[in-house]
Amino acid sequence: MEQHESPTPDNPPEQVGLSFLTLAYSLREQVDQHMLAAAGLSLSRTKVLQALADRGTLHQAELAASLGQAPRSVTQIVEGLERLGMVLRTGDPGDRRRKIVALTNAGRTALAAAEQAGMTTLRQYFGSLAPHELAALDALLAHLNTAITDDRTG
């Protein structure tokens, strides 16, 4: 598998790309389902908790920016997490229109369980690859990531 084969009518780049997108979606769904079963958290909610765990207390707008999501989407996720007791929202003393979001102990516990479930799921699927296959996939993903990054910035 050292040589790169030219695309054939059976596997043109766009078809391989669509297969990759379908597989990525299915994998995301599997990770999401395992996180929900283990911790009651979707991947989207887990990412919000991870941002708070990594960066500390944040204004909702800062949280949305750090996730690259629309503020309204993050507000809905935060409201759901607040109802579950996983985050605490308070008003900013300097600007009552702004909300500050903090991770609670319940949120930390759920986050740890969700992360463990996600890692176990990824280990299950990617661990089924031989070491050389995993290394090749890692290199291919890095190459695609560079192409996408270059396209965004260039």
N, C-alpha and C. Protein backbone atom coordinates (compact mmCIF):
# COMPACT_ATOMS: atom_id res chain seq x y z
N MET A 1 0.83 -1.19 0.00
CA MET A 1 0.00 0.00 0.00
C MET A 1 0.87 1.25 0.00
N GLU A 2 2.11 1.09 -0.38
CA GLU A 2 3.03 2.21 -0.43
C GLU A 2 2.74 3.13 -1.62
N GLN A 3 2.34 2.52 -2.74
CA GLN A 3 2.10 3.32 -3.94
C GLN A 3 0.67 3.82 -3.94
N HIS A 4 0.48 5.01 -4.47
CA HIS A 4 -0.86 5.57 -4.60
C HIS A 4 -1.41 5.19 -5.96
N GLU A 5 -2.57 4.54 -5.94
CA GLU A 5 -3.19 4.17 -7.20
C GLU A 5 -3.99 5.36 -7.73
N SER A 6 -4.04 5.46 -9.02
CA SER A 6 -4.87 6.48 -9.64
C SER A 6 -6.33 6.11 -9.44
N PRO A 7 -7.18 7.12 -9.31
CA PRO A 7 -8.60 6.80 -9.17
C PRO A 7 -9.09 6.03 -10.38
N THR A 8 -9.97 5.09 -10.13
CA THR A 8 -10.60 4.34 -11.21
C THR A 8 -12.07 4.69 -11.23
N PRO A 9 -12.78 4.27 -12.28
CA PRO A 9 -14.22 4.55 -12.29
C PRO A 9 -14.94 3.93 -11.09
N ASP A 10 -14.34 2.90 -10.48
CA ASP A 10 -14.97 2.25 -9.33
C ASP A 10 -14.79 3.04 -8.03
N ASN A 11 -13.78 3.87 -7.96
CA ASN A 11 -13.53 4.61 -6.71
C ASN A 11 -13.00 6.02 -6.98
N PRO A 12 -13.80 6.86 -7.66
CA PRO A 12 -13.34 8.23 -7.87
C PRO A 12 -13.29 8.99 -6.54
N PRO A 13 -12.48 10.05 -6.48
CA PRO A 13 -12.31 10.78 -5.21
C PRO A 13 -13.62 11.21 -4.55
N GLU A 14 -14.57 11.67 -5.35
CA GLU A 14 -15.83 12.14 -4.74
C GLU A 14 -16.60 10.99 -4.09
N GLN A 15 -16.52 9.78 -4.67
CA GLN A 15 -17.20 8.63 -4.07
C GLN A 15 -16.51 8.21 -2.78
N VAL A 16 -15.19 8.22 -2.79
CA VAL A 16 -14.43 7.90 -1.57
C VAL A 16 -14.76 8.94 -0.50
N GLY A 17 -14.85 10.20 -0.90
CA GLY A 17 -15.20 11.26 0.04
C GLY A 17 -16.58 11.05 0.64
N LEU A 18 -17.55 10.69 -0.19
CA LEU A 18 -18.91 10.44 0.32
C LEU A 18 -18.93 9.23 1.25
N SER A 19 -18.16 8.21 0.91
CA SER A 19 -18.06 7.04 1.81
C SER A 19 -17.46 7.44 3.15
N PHE A 20 -16.44 8.30 3.11
CA PHE A 20 -15.81 8.78 4.34
C PHE A 20 -16.83 9.57 5.18
N LEU A 21 -17.58 10.46 4.54
CA LEU A 21 -18.57 11.25 5.28
C LEU A 21 -19.64 10.36 5.92
N THR A 22 -20.08 9.36 5.18
CA THR A 22 -21.08 8.43 5.71
C THR A 22 -20.53 7.67 6.91
N LEU A 23 -19.29 7.19 6.78
CA LEU A 23 -18.66 6.46 7.87
C LEU A 23 -18.44 7.37 9.07
N ALA A 24 -17.98 8.60 8.84
CA ALA A 24 -17.74 9.54 9.94
C ALA A 24 -19.05 9.82 10.69
N TYR A 25 -20.13 9.98 9.94
CA TYR A 25 -21.43 10.22 10.57
C TYR A 25 -21.83 9.01 11.43
N SER A 26 -21.67 7.80 10.87
CA SER A 26 -22.03 6.59 11.62
C SER A 26 -21.18 6.45 12.88
N LEU A 27 -19.90 6.73 12.77
CA LEU A 27 -19.01 6.65 13.93
C LEU A 27 -19.43 7.68 14.99
N ARG A 28 -19.73 8.89 14.55
CA ARG A 28 -20.19 9.92 15.49
C ARG A 28 -21.45 9.46 16.21
N GLU A 29 -22.37 8.85 15.47
CA GLU A 29 -23.61 8.35 16.07
C GLU A 29 -23.32 7.27 17.12
N GLN A 30 -22.37 6.39 16.83
CA GLN A 30 -22.01 5.34 17.79
C GLN A 30 -21.42 5.95 19.07
N VAL A 31 -20.51 6.90 18.89
CA VAL A 31 -19.90 7.56 20.05
C VAL A 31 -21.00 8.27 20.85
N ASP A 32 -21.87 8.97 20.15
CA ASP A 32 -22.96 9.70 20.79
C ASP A 32 -23.85 8.75 21.60
N GLN A 33 -24.23 7.63 21.00
CA GLN A 33 -25.10 6.66 21.69
C GLN A 33 -24.43 6.09 22.94
N HIS A 34 -23.15 5.78 22.84
CA HIS A 34 -22.45 5.23 24.01
C HIS A 34 -22.30 6.28 25.11
N MET A 35 -22.08 7.52 24.74
CA MET A 35 -21.98 8.60 25.74
C MET A 35 -23.34 8.81 26.42
N LEU A 36 -24.40 8.78 25.62
CA LEU A 36 -25.74 8.94 26.19
C LEU A 36 -26.06 7.81 27.16
N ALA A 37 -25.72 6.59 26.77
CA ALA A 37 -26.00 5.43 27.63
C ALA A 37 -25.19 5.48 28.92
N ALA A 38 -23.94 5.90 28.83
CA ALA A 38 -23.05 5.88 30.00
C ALA A 38 -23.24 7.08 30.92
N ALA A 39 -23.51 8.25 30.32
CA ALA A 39 -23.49 9.47 31.13
C ALA A 39 -24.69 10.38 30.92
N GLY A 40 -25.56 10.02 30.00
CA GLY A 40 -26.71 10.88 29.72
C GLY A 40 -26.32 12.14 28.97
N LEU A 41 -25.16 12.12 28.33
CA LEU A 41 -24.68 13.29 27.61
C LEU A 41 -24.48 12.98 26.14
N SER A 42 -24.97 13.87 25.29
CA SER A 42 -24.66 13.77 23.86
C SER A 42 -23.25 14.29 23.64
N LEU A 43 -22.73 14.03 22.45
CA LEU A 43 -21.40 14.54 22.11
C LEU A 43 -21.39 16.07 22.14
N SER A 44 -22.47 16.70 21.68
CA SER A 44 -22.54 18.17 21.71
C SER A 44 -22.48 18.71 23.13
N ARG A 45 -23.22 18.09 24.02
CA ARG A 45 -23.19 18.53 25.41
C ARG A 45 -21.83 18.25 26.04
N THR A 46 -21.25 17.13 25.68
CA THR A 46 -19.93 16.78 26.20
C THR A 46 -18.90 17.83 25.78
N LYS A 47 -18.97 18.30 24.54
CA LYS A 47 -18.02 19.30 24.06
C LYS A 47 -18.15 20.61 24.84
N VAL A 48 -19.37 20.98 25.20
CA VAL A 48 -19.57 22.19 26.01
C VAL A 48 -18.92 22.00 27.38
N LEU A 49 -19.15 20.85 28.00
CA LEU A 49 -18.55 20.59 29.32
C LEU A 49 -17.03 20.53 29.22
N GLN A 50 -16.51 19.95 28.14
CA GLN A 50 -15.05 19.90 27.96
C GLN A 50 -14.47 21.31 27.86
N ALA A 51 -15.14 22.19 27.14
CA ALA A 51 -14.65 23.57 27.01
C ALA A 51 -14.61 24.25 28.38
N LEU A 52 -15.63 24.03 29.19
CA LEU A 52 -15.66 24.62 30.53
C LEU A 52 -14.59 23.99 31.42
N ALA A 53 -14.39 22.69 31.30
CA ALA A 53 -13.35 22.02 32.10
C ALA A 53 -11.97 22.51 31.71
N ASP A 54 -11.75 22.74 30.43
CA ASP A 54 -10.45 23.18 29.93
C ASP A 54 -10.18 24.66 30.20
N ARG A 55 -11.20 25.50 30.03
CA ARG A 55 -10.99 26.95 30.07
C ARG A 55 -11.52 27.61 31.32
N GLY A 56 -12.29 26.89 32.13
CA GLY A 56 -12.84 27.47 33.34
C GLY A 56 -14.15 28.20 33.05
N THR A 57 -14.59 28.98 34.00
CA THR A 57 -15.83 29.74 33.87
C THR A 57 -15.74 30.70 32.69
N LEU A 58 -16.81 30.71 31.88
CA LEU A 58 -16.82 31.54 30.67
C LEU A 58 -18.16 32.24 30.51
N HIS A 59 -18.14 33.39 29.84
CA HIS A 59 -19.38 34.00 29.39
C HIS A 59 -19.93 33.11 28.27
N GLN A 60 -21.24 33.08 28.12
CA GLN A 60 -21.83 32.24 27.09
C GLN A 60 -21.30 32.58 25.70
N ALA A 61 -21.10 33.86 25.42
CA ALA A 61 -20.58 34.26 24.11
C ALA A 61 -19.16 33.72 23.90
N GLU A 62 -18.35 33.75 24.95
CA GLU A 62 -16.98 33.20 24.87
C GLU A 62 -17.03 31.69 24.65
N LEU A 63 -17.95 31.04 25.33
CA LEU A 63 -18.11 29.60 25.18
C LEU A 63 -18.50 29.26 23.74
N ALA A 64 -19.45 29.99 23.19
CA ALA A 64 -19.87 29.76 21.80
C ALA A 64 -18.70 29.98 20.84
N ALA A 65 -17.95 31.05 21.06
CA ALA A 65 -16.80 31.34 20.19
C ALA A 65 -15.74 30.24 20.29
N SER A 66 -15.49 29.74 21.49
CA SER A 66 -14.47 28.71 21.66
C SER A 66 -14.87 27.41 20.98
N LEU A 67 -16.17 27.18 20.83
CA LEU A 67 -16.67 25.97 20.18
C LEU A 67 -16.91 26.17 18.69
N GLY A 68 -16.83 27.43 18.23
CA GLY A 68 -17.11 27.73 16.83
C GLY A 68 -18.57 27.51 16.48
N GLN A 69 -19.45 27.78 17.43
CA GLN A 69 -20.89 27.57 17.23
C GLN A 69 -21.64 28.89 17.40
N ALA A 70 -22.84 28.91 16.88
CA ALA A 70 -23.71 30.07 17.03
C ALA A 70 -24.10 30.22 18.49
N PRO A 71 -24.12 31.45 18.99
CA PRO A 71 -24.49 31.67 20.40
C PRO A 71 -25.84 31.04 20.78
N ARG A 72 -26.83 31.11 19.89
CA ARG A 72 -28.15 30.56 20.21
C ARG A 72 -28.08 29.04 20.41
N SER A 73 -27.29 28.36 19.59
CA SER A 73 -27.14 26.91 19.73
C SER A 73 -26.53 26.55 21.08
N VAL A 74 -25.51 27.30 21.46
CA VAL A 74 -24.84 27.04 22.73
C VAL A 74 -25.78 27.38 23.89
N THR A 75 -26.56 28.43 23.75
CA THR A 75 -27.52 28.79 24.80
C THR A 75 -28.48 27.65 25.06
N GLN A 76 -28.98 27.02 24.00
CA GLN A 76 -29.90 25.90 24.17
C GLN A 76 -29.24 24.72 24.87
N ILE A 77 -27.99 24.43 24.50
CA ILE A 77 -27.27 23.34 25.14
C ILE A 77 -27.03 23.66 26.62
N VAL A 78 -26.60 24.89 26.90
CA VAL A 78 -26.32 25.30 28.27
C VAL A 78 -27.59 25.25 29.11
N GLU A 79 -28.71 25.67 28.55
CA GLU A 79 -29.98 25.60 29.29
C GLU A 79 -30.32 24.16 29.67
N GLY A 80 -30.10 23.24 28.74
CA GLY A 80 -30.35 21.83 29.04
C GLY A 80 -29.41 21.30 30.11
N LEU A 81 -28.14 21.66 30.02
CA LEU A 81 -27.17 21.24 31.02
C LEU A 81 -27.48 21.84 32.39
N GLU A 82 -27.97 23.06 32.39
CA GLU A 82 -28.34 23.70 33.65
C GLU A 82 -29.51 22.95 34.31
N ARG A 83 -30.50 22.55 33.50
CA ARG A 83 -31.64 21.79 34.04
C ARG A 83 -31.18 20.47 34.67
N LEU A 84 -30.11 19.91 34.12
CA LEU A 84 -29.57 18.65 34.65
C LEU A 84 -28.61 18.86 35.83
N GLY A 85 -28.33 20.12 36.16
CA GLY A 85 -27.44 20.43 37.27
C GLY A 85 -25.97 20.28 36.94
N MET A 86 -25.63 20.26 35.64
CA MET A 86 -24.24 20.05 35.24
C MET A 86 -23.47 21.35 35.04
N VAL A 87 -24.19 22.44 34.87
CA VAL A 87 -23.58 23.77 34.81
C VAL A 87 -24.42 24.72 35.64
N LEU A 88 -23.80 25.79 36.02
CA LEU A 88 -24.49 26.85 36.76
C LEU A 88 -24.33 28.13 35.96
N ARG A 89 -25.45 28.79 35.68
CA ARG A 89 -25.41 30.08 34.98
C ARG A 89 -25.76 31.18 35.96
N THR A 90 -24.96 32.22 35.93
CA THR A 90 -25.23 33.39 36.77
C THR A 90 -25.09 34.63 35.93
N GLY A 91 -25.69 35.70 36.40
CA GLY A 91 -25.55 36.98 35.70
C GLY A 91 -24.18 37.58 35.95
N ASP A 92 -23.70 38.26 34.95
CA ASP A 92 -22.42 38.98 35.09
C ASP A 92 -22.69 40.24 35.90
N PRO A 93 -22.00 40.44 37.03
CA PRO A 93 -22.25 41.62 37.85
C PRO A 93 -21.98 42.93 37.11
N GLY A 94 -21.10 42.89 36.13
CA GLY A 94 -20.77 44.11 35.38
C GLY A 94 -21.71 44.37 34.21
N ASP A 95 -22.46 43.35 33.78
CA ASP A 95 -23.35 43.50 32.62
C ASP A 95 -24.44 42.45 32.75
N ARG A 96 -25.60 42.85 33.22
CA ARG A 96 -26.68 41.91 33.52
C ARG A 96 -27.18 41.18 32.28
N ARG A 97 -26.88 41.68 31.10
CA ARG A 97 -27.31 41.00 29.87
C ARG A 97 -26.47 39.76 29.59
N ARG A 98 -25.29 39.67 30.18
CA ARG A 98 -24.38 38.56 29.93
C ARG A 98 -24.53 37.49 31.01
N LYS A 99 -24.38 36.24 30.59
CA LYS A 99 -24.45 35.11 31.51
C LYS A 99 -23.08 34.46 31.61
N ILE A 100 -22.72 34.09 32.83
CA ILE A 100 -21.48 33.38 33.10
C ILE A 100 -21.84 31.91 33.34
N VAL A 101 -21.08 31.01 32.73
CA VAL A 101 -21.36 29.57 32.84
C VAL A 101 -20.19 28.90 33.55
N ALA A 102 -20.53 28.08 34.55
CA ALA A 102 -19.51 27.34 35.30
C ALA A 102 -19.90 25.87 35.37
N LEU A 103 -18.91 25.02 35.35
CA LEU A 103 -19.10 23.58 35.46
C LEU A 103 -19.34 23.22 36.93
N THR A 104 -20.32 22.35 37.19
CA THR A 104 -20.58 21.89 38.56
C THR A 104 -19.89 20.55 38.78
N ASN A 105 -19.90 20.09 40.03
CA ASN A 105 -19.33 18.78 40.33
C ASN A 105 -20.08 17.67 39.59
N ALA A 106 -21.40 17.80 39.50
CA ALA A 106 -22.19 16.81 38.75
C ALA A 106 -21.78 16.82 37.28
N GLY A 107 -21.49 18.00 36.75
CA GLY A 107 -21.03 18.11 35.37
C GLY A 107 -19.67 17.46 35.17
N ARG A 108 -18.78 17.64 36.14
CA ARG A 108 -17.45 17.01 36.05
C ARG A 108 -17.56 15.48 36.06
N THR A 109 -18.43 14.98 36.91
CA THR A 109 -18.62 13.53 37.02
C THR A 109 -19.20 12.96 35.72
N ALA A 110 -20.22 13.63 35.20
CA ALA A 110 -20.84 13.18 33.95
C ALA A 110 -19.85 13.29 32.78
N LEU A 111 -19.08 14.36 32.77
CA LEU A 111 -18.08 14.55 31.71
C LEU A 111 -17.07 13.41 31.72
N ALA A 112 -16.59 13.03 32.89
CA ALA A 112 -15.61 11.93 32.98
C ALA A 112 -16.21 10.63 32.44
N ALA A 113 -17.47 10.36 32.78
CA ALA A 113 -18.12 9.14 32.30
C ALA A 113 -18.34 9.18 30.79
N ALA A 114 -18.73 10.33 30.28
CA ALA A 114 -18.95 10.47 28.83
C ALA A 114 -17.64 10.33 28.07
N GLU A 115 -16.59 10.97 28.56
CA GLU A 115 -15.29 10.86 27.90
C GLU A 115 -14.79 9.42 27.90
N GLN A 116 -14.97 8.72 29.00
CA GLN A 116 -14.56 7.33 29.07
C GLN A 116 -15.34 6.48 28.07
N ALA A 117 -16.65 6.70 27.98
CA ALA A 117 -17.47 5.94 27.03
C ALA A 117 -17.05 6.24 25.59
N GLY A 118 -16.77 7.50 25.31
CA GLY A 118 -16.32 7.87 23.96
C GLY A 118 -14.99 7.23 23.61
N MET A 119 -14.04 7.27 24.55
CA MET A 119 -12.73 6.67 24.30
C MET A 119 -12.83 5.15 24.13
N THR A 120 -13.68 4.53 24.91
CA THR A 120 -13.87 3.08 24.79
C THR A 120 -14.43 2.72 23.42
N THR A 121 -15.38 3.49 22.95
CA THR A 121 -15.97 3.25 21.63
C THR A 121 -14.95 3.44 20.53
N LEU A 122 -14.18 4.52 20.60
CA LEU A 122 -13.15 4.77 19.59
C LEU A 122 -12.08 3.68 19.62
N ARG A 123 -11.69 3.26 20.82
CA ARG A 123 -10.70 2.20 20.96
C ARG A 123 -11.21 0.90 20.34
N GLN A 124 -12.50 0.64 20.53
CA GLN A 124 -13.10 -0.57 19.97
C GLN A 124 -12.97 -0.59 18.45
N TYR A 125 -13.35 0.49 17.80
CA TYR A 125 -13.34 0.51 16.33
C TYR A 125 -11.93 0.68 15.77
N PHE A 126 -11.21 1.65 16.24
CA PHE A 126 -9.88 1.91 15.70
C PHE A 126 -8.86 0.87 16.19
N GLY A 127 -9.14 0.26 17.32
CA GLY A 127 -8.28 -0.80 17.82
C GLY A 127 -8.38 -2.07 16.99
N SER A 128 -9.41 -2.17 16.16
CA SER A 128 -9.55 -3.35 15.29
C SER A 128 -8.60 -3.28 14.09
N LEU A 129 -7.98 -2.13 13.89
CA LEU A 129 -7.01 -1.98 12.80
C LEU A 129 -5.64 -2.49 13.24
N ALA A 130 -4.92 -3.05 12.29
CA ALA A 130 -3.53 -3.45 12.55
C ALA A 130 -2.71 -2.17 12.76
N PRO A 131 -1.61 -2.24 13.49
CA PRO A 131 -0.80 -1.04 13.73
C PRO A 131 -0.42 -0.29 12.46
N HIS A 132 -0.04 -1.01 11.41
CA HIS A 132 0.34 -0.33 10.16
C HIS A 132 -0.87 0.32 9.48
N GLU A 133 -2.06 -0.27 9.64
CA GLU A 133 -3.28 0.33 9.08
C GLU A 133 -3.64 1.61 9.84
N LEU A 134 -3.51 1.55 11.15
CA LEU A 134 -3.79 2.72 11.98
C LEU A 134 -2.82 3.86 11.64
N ALA A 135 -1.55 3.52 11.46
CA ALA A 135 -0.55 4.53 11.10
C ALA A 135 -0.86 5.13 9.72
N ALA A 136 -1.26 4.29 8.78
CA ALA A 136 -1.60 4.78 7.44
C ALA A 136 -2.82 5.68 7.49
N LEU A 137 -3.83 5.28 8.25
CA LEU A 137 -5.04 6.10 8.38
C LEU A 137 -4.69 7.44 9.03
N ASP A 138 -3.87 7.41 10.05
CA ASP A 138 -3.45 8.64 10.73
C ASP A 138 -2.76 9.59 9.74
N ALA A 139 -1.90 9.04 8.91
CA ALA A 139 -1.19 9.86 7.92
C ALA A 139 -2.16 10.43 6.88
N LEU A 140 -3.11 9.62 6.44
CA LEU A 140 -4.10 10.08 5.47
C LEU A 140 -4.98 11.19 6.06
N LEU A 141 -5.39 11.02 7.29
CA LEU A 141 -6.22 12.04 7.94
C LEU A 141 -5.43 13.34 8.13
N ALA A 142 -4.16 13.23 8.47
CA ALA A 142 -3.32 14.42 8.60
C ALA A 142 -3.21 15.13 7.25
N HIS A 143 -3.04 14.36 6.19
CA HIS A 143 -2.94 14.94 4.84
C HIS A 143 -4.24 15.68 4.48
N LEU A 144 -5.38 15.05 4.74
CA LEU A 144 -6.67 15.69 4.44
C LEU A 144 -6.87 16.94 5.30
N ASN A 145 -6.47 16.87 6.56
CA ASN A 145 -6.59 18.02 7.44
C ASN A 145 -5.76 19.19 6.93
N THR A 146 -4.55 18.90 6.47
CA THR A 146 -3.69 19.96 5.91
C THR A 146 -4.34 20.57 4.67
N ALA A 147 -4.91 19.73 3.81
CA ALA A 147 -5.56 20.24 2.60
C ALA A 147 -6.75 21.14 2.95
N ILE A 148 -7.52 20.74 3.94
CA ILE A 148 -8.68 21.54 4.34
C ILE A 148 -8.23 22.84 4.99
N THR A 149 -7.23 22.77 5.85
CA THR A 149 -6.69 23.97 6.50
C THR A 149 -6.12 24.94 5.47
N ASP A 150 -5.36 24.41 4.52
CA ASP A 150 -4.80 25.25 3.45
C ASP A 150 -5.90 25.91 2.63
N ASP A 151 -6.96 25.17 2.36
CA ASP A 151 -8.08 25.69 1.57
C ASP A 151 -8.79 26.82 2.32
N ARG A 152 -8.92 26.68 3.64
CA ARG A 152 -9.58 27.72 4.45
C ARG A 152 -8.74 29.00 4.50
N THR A 153 -7.44 28.84 4.61
CA THR A 153 -6.57 30.00 4.80
C THR A 153 -6.05 30.57 3.49
N GLY A 154 -6.10 29.79 2.42
CA GLY A 154 -5.52 30.24 1.16
C GLY A 154 -6.51 30.76 0.23
